[in-house]
Amino acid sequence: MNRPHEHTHIPAAPQTPEQVLGERFARGEEEYRRRLNALHAGPLTKP
């Protein structure tokens, strides 16, 4: 009945705002860098 890694990322208690923000930041950092690179690359690499 014990399935490892099934609900390990979901805490039993409701998440605190700090946990939610931490997860959003962790997920969003890569996307943020991608957008930042796209912003810098876009105008600078005109054909």
PDB file of N, CA and C in Angstrom:
ATOM      1  N   MET A   1       0.841  -1.207   0.000  1.00  0.00           N
ATOM      2  CA  MET A   1       0.000   0.000   0.000  1.00  0.00           C
ATOM      3  C   MET A   1       0.875   1.255   0.000  1.00  0.00           C
ATOM      4  N   ASN A   2       2.137   1.060   0.301  1.00  0.00           N
ATOM      5  CA  ASN A   2       3.039   2.205   0.357  1.00  0.00           C
ATOM      6  C   ASN A   2       3.656   2.444  -1.009  1.00  0.00           C
ATOM      7  N   ARG A   3       3.245   3.538  -1.643  1.00  0.00           N
ATOM      8  CA  ARG A   3       3.808   3.873  -2.951  1.00  0.00           C
ATOM      9  C   ARG A   3       4.797   5.024  -2.795  1.00  0.00           C
ATOM     10  N   PRO A   4       6.076   4.769  -2.999  1.00  0.00           N
ATOM     11  CA  PRO A   4       7.072   5.836  -2.830  1.00  0.00           C
ATOM     12  C   PRO A   4       6.929   6.916  -3.886  1.00  0.00           C
ATOM     13  N   HIS A   5       7.213   8.144  -3.503  1.00  0.00           N
ATOM     14  CA  HIS A   5       7.225   9.294  -4.409  1.00  0.00           C
ATOM     15  C   HIS A   5       5.851   9.588  -4.995  1.00  0.00           C
ATOM     16  N   GLU A   6       4.794   9.177  -4.322  1.00  0.00           N
ATOM     17  CA  GLU A   6       3.463   9.454  -4.875  1.00  0.00           C
ATOM     18  C   GLU A   6       2.989  10.838  -4.442  1.00  0.00           C
ATOM     19  N   HIS A   7       2.893  11.038  -3.133  1.00  0.00           N
ATOM     20  CA  HIS A   7       2.380  12.321  -2.648  1.00  0.00           C
ATOM     21  C   HIS A   7       3.428  13.030  -1.801  1.00  0.00           C
ATOM     22  N   THR A   8       4.679  12.802  -2.123  1.00  0.00           N
ATOM     23  CA  THR A   8       5.732  13.407  -1.303  1.00  0.00           C
ATOM     24  C   THR A   8       5.787  14.910  -1.504  1.00  0.00           C
ATOM     25  N   HIS A   9       5.365  15.405  -2.667  1.00  0.00           N
ATOM     26  CA  HIS A   9       5.442  16.837  -2.934  1.00  0.00           C
ATOM     27  C   HIS A   9       4.197  17.570  -2.459  1.00  0.00           C
ATOM     28  N   ILE A  10       3.209  16.825  -1.963  1.00  0.00           N
ATOM     29  CA  ILE A  10       1.981  17.456  -1.482  1.00  0.00           C
ATOM     30  C   ILE A  10       1.913  17.288   0.034  1.00  0.00           C
ATOM     31  N   PRO A  11       2.097  18.357   0.785  1.00  0.00           N
ATOM     32  CA  PRO A  11       2.050  18.254   2.245  1.00  0.00           C
ATOM     33  C   PRO A  11       0.638  17.958   2.732  1.00  0.00           C
ATOM     34  N   ALA A  12       0.545  17.300   3.881  1.00  0.00           N
ATOM     35  CA  ALA A  12      -0.765  16.960   4.430  1.00  0.00           C
ATOM     36  C   ALA A  12      -1.500  18.227   4.861  1.00  0.00           C
ATOM     37  N   ALA A  13      -0.749  19.143   5.459  1.00  0.00           N
ATOM     38  CA  ALA A  13      -1.343  20.404   5.890  1.00  0.00           C
ATOM     39  C   ALA A  13      -1.395  21.373   4.716  1.00  0.00           C
ATOM     40  N   PRO A  14      -2.301  22.339   4.769  1.00  0.00           N
ATOM     41  CA  PRO A  14      -2.342  23.363   3.719  1.00  0.00           C
ATOM     42  C   PRO A  14      -1.008  24.092   3.636  1.00  0.00           C
ATOM     43  N   GLN A  15      -0.622  24.468   2.427  1.00  0.00           N
ATOM     44  CA  GLN A  15       0.658  25.136   2.244  1.00  0.00           C
ATOM     45  C   GLN A  15       0.610  26.553   2.798  1.00  0.00           C
ATOM     46  N   THR A  16       1.721  26.963   3.345  1.00  0.00           N
ATOM     47  CA  THR A  16       1.830  28.355   3.777  1.00  0.00           C
ATOM     48  C   THR A  16       2.133  29.211   2.555  1.00  0.00           C
ATOM     49  N   PRO A  17       1.814  30.500   2.626  1.00  0.00           N
ATOM     50  CA  PRO A  17       2.132  31.388   1.492  1.00  0.00           C
ATOM     51  C   PRO A  17       3.611  31.339   1.124  1.00  0.00           C
ATOM     52  N   GLU A  18       4.477  31.161   2.135  1.00  0.00           N
ATOM     53  CA  GLU A  18       5.907  31.100   1.855  1.00  0.00           C
ATOM     54  C   GLU A  18       6.227  29.882   0.997  1.00  0.00           C
ATOM     55  N   GLN A  19       5.584  28.744   1.300  1.00  0.00           N
ATOM     56  CA  GLN A  19       5.834  27.538   0.516  1.00  0.00           C
ATOM     57  C   GLN A  19       5.341  27.708  -0.909  1.00  0.00           C
ATOM     58  N   VAL A  20       4.159  28.307  -1.047  1.00  0.00           N
ATOM     59  CA  VAL A  20       3.594  28.507  -2.380  1.00  0.00           C
ATOM     60  C   VAL A  20       4.487  29.436  -3.196  1.00  0.00           C
ATOM     61  N   LEU A  21       4.917  30.529  -2.578  1.00  0.00           N
ATOM     62  CA  LEU A  21       5.785  31.473  -3.282  1.00  0.00           C
ATOM     63  C   LEU A  21       7.110  30.813  -3.634  1.00  0.00           C
ATOM     64  N   GLY A  22       7.624  29.990  -2.732  1.00  0.00           N
ATOM     65  CA  GLY A  22       8.882  29.297  -2.997  1.00  0.00           C
ATOM     66  C   GLY A  22       8.758  28.381  -4.199  1.00  0.00           C
ATOM     67  N   GLU A  23       7.637  27.645  -4.280  1.00  0.00           N
ATOM     68  CA  GLU A  23       7.443  26.742  -5.409  1.00  0.00           C
ATOM     69  C   GLU A  23       7.271  27.531  -6.698  1.00  0.00           C
ATOM     70  N   ARG A  24       6.514  28.618  -6.634  1.00  0.00           N
ATOM     71  CA  ARG A  24       6.309  29.431  -7.833  1.00  0.00           C
ATOM     72  C   ARG A  24       7.632  30.021  -8.309  1.00  0.00           C
ATOM     73  N   PHE A  25       8.458  30.452  -7.363  1.00  0.00           N
ATOM     74  CA  PHE A  25       9.748  31.025  -7.732  1.00  0.00           C
ATOM     75  C   PHE A  25      10.634  29.962  -8.371  1.00  0.00           C
ATOM     76  N   ALA A  26      10.628  28.763  -7.778  1.00  0.00           N
ATOM     77  CA  ALA A  26      11.465  27.685  -8.309  1.00  0.00           C
ATOM     78  C   ALA A  26      11.034  27.327  -9.726  1.00  0.00           C
ATOM     79  N   ARG A  27       9.716  27.296  -9.952  1.00  0.00           N
ATOM     80  CA  ARG A  27       9.226  26.958 -11.292  1.00  0.00           C
ATOM     81  C   ARG A  27       9.425  28.118 -12.255  1.00  0.00           C
ATOM     82  N   GLY A  28       9.313  29.338 -11.758  1.00  0.00           N
ATOM     83  CA  GLY A  28       9.305  30.488 -12.648  1.00  0.00           C
ATOM     84  C   GLY A  28      10.678  31.039 -12.991  1.00  0.00           C
ATOM     85  N   GLU A  29      11.695  30.614 -12.244  1.00  0.00           N
ATOM     86  CA  GLU A  29      13.012  31.206 -12.478  1.00  0.00           C
ATOM     87  C   GLU A  29      13.527  30.877 -13.876  1.00  0.00           C
ATOM     88  N   GLU A  30      13.350  29.622 -14.287  1.00  0.00           N
ATOM     89  CA  GLU A  30      13.825  29.243 -15.614  1.00  0.00           C
ATOM     90  C   GLU A  30      13.056  29.984 -16.700  1.00  0.00           C
ATOM     91  N   GLU A  31      11.739  30.068 -16.513  1.00  0.00           N
ATOM     92  CA  GLU A  31      10.910  30.786 -17.491  1.00  0.00           C
ATOM     93  C   GLU A  31      11.300  32.263 -17.524  1.00  0.00           C
ATOM     94  N   TYR A  32      11.573  32.823 -16.352  1.00  0.00           N
ATOM     95  CA  TYR A  32      11.987  34.225 -16.276  1.00  0.00           C
ATOM     96  C   TYR A  32      13.279  34.442 -17.061  1.00  0.00           C
ATOM     97  N   ARG A  33      14.239  33.541 -16.898  1.00  0.00           N
ATOM     98  CA  ARG A  33      15.504  33.686 -17.615  1.00  0.00           C
ATOM     99  C   ARG A  33      15.303  33.530 -19.109  1.00  0.00           C
ATOM    100  N   ARG A  34      14.401  32.597 -19.492  1.00  0.00           N
ATOM    101  CA  ARG A  34      14.133  32.412 -20.919  1.00  0.00           C
ATOM    102  C   ARG A  34      13.554  33.692 -21.520  1.00  0.00           C
ATOM    103  N   ARG A  35      12.611  34.289 -20.809  1.00  0.00           N
ATOM    104  CA  ARG A  35      11.995  35.517 -21.322  1.00  0.00           C
ATOM    105  C   ARG A  35      13.009  36.656 -21.349  1.00  0.00           C
ATOM    106  N   LEU A  36      13.855  36.716 -20.332  1.00  0.00           N
ATOM    107  CA  LEU A  36      14.865  37.761 -20.289  1.00  0.00           C
ATOM    108  C   LEU A  36      15.828  37.603 -21.464  1.00  0.00           C
ATOM    109  N   ASN A  37      16.247  36.363 -21.722  1.00  0.00           N
ATOM    110  CA  ASN A  37      17.133  36.111 -22.854  1.00  0.00           C
ATOM    111  C   ASN A  37      16.450  36.466 -24.159  1.00  0.00           C
ATOM    112  N   ALA A  38      15.177  36.142 -24.266  1.00  0.00           N
ATOM    113  CA  ALA A  38      14.434  36.444 -25.494  1.00  0.00           C
ATOM    114  C   ALA A  38      14.329  37.959 -25.679  1.00  0.00           C
ATOM    115  N   LEU A  39      14.117  38.666 -24.575  1.00  0.00           N
ATOM    116  CA  LEU A  39      14.027  40.123 -24.657  1.00  0.00           C
ATOM    117  C   LEU A  39      15.339  40.720 -25.146  1.00  0.00           C
ATOM    118  N   HIS A  40      16.441  40.214 -24.600  1.00  0.00           N
ATOM    119  CA  HIS A  40      17.745  40.751 -24.987  1.00  0.00           C
ATOM    120  C   HIS A  40      18.135  40.299 -26.385  1.00  0.00           C
ATOM    121  N   ALA A  41      17.784  39.071 -26.727  1.00  0.00           N
ATOM    122  CA  ALA A  41      18.196  38.526 -28.019  1.00  0.00           C
ATOM    123  C   ALA A  41      17.353  39.099 -29.153  1.00  0.00           C
ATOM    124  N   GLY A  42      16.064  39.331 -28.880  1.00  0.00           N
ATOM    125  CA  GLY A  42      15.160  39.799 -29.927  1.00  0.00           C
ATOM    126  C   GLY A  42      15.648  41.033 -30.666  1.00  0.00           C
ATOM    127  N   PRO A  43      15.734  42.181 -29.992  1.00  0.00           N
ATOM    128  CA  PRO A  43      16.120  43.417 -30.687  1.00  0.00           C
ATOM    129  C   PRO A  43      17.563  43.382 -31.183  1.00  0.00           C
ATOM    130  N   LEU A  44      18.430  42.611 -30.514  1.00  0.00           N
ATOM    131  CA  LEU A  44      19.848  42.647 -30.853  1.00  0.00           C
ATOM    132  C   LEU A  44      20.188  41.768 -32.046  1.00  0.00           C
ATOM    133  N   THR A  45      19.337  40.783 -32.339  1.00  0.00           N
ATOM    134  CA  THR A  45      19.676  39.851 -33.417  1.00  0.00           C
ATOM    135  C   THR A  45      18.748  40.038 -34.604  1.00  0.00           C
ATOM    136  N   LYS A  46      18.592  41.275 -35.020  1.00  0.00           N
ATOM    137  CA  LYS A  46      17.765  41.519 -36.206  1.00  0.00           C
ATOM    138  C   LYS A  46      18.536  41.119 -37.460  1.00  0.00           C
ATOM    139  N   PRO A  47      17.874  40.507 -38.431  1.00  0.00           N
ATOM    140  CA  PRO A  47      18.552  40.113 -39.664  1.00  0.00           C
ATOM    141  C   PRO A  47      18.981  41.328 -40.484  1.00  0.00           C
TER     142      PRO A  47
END
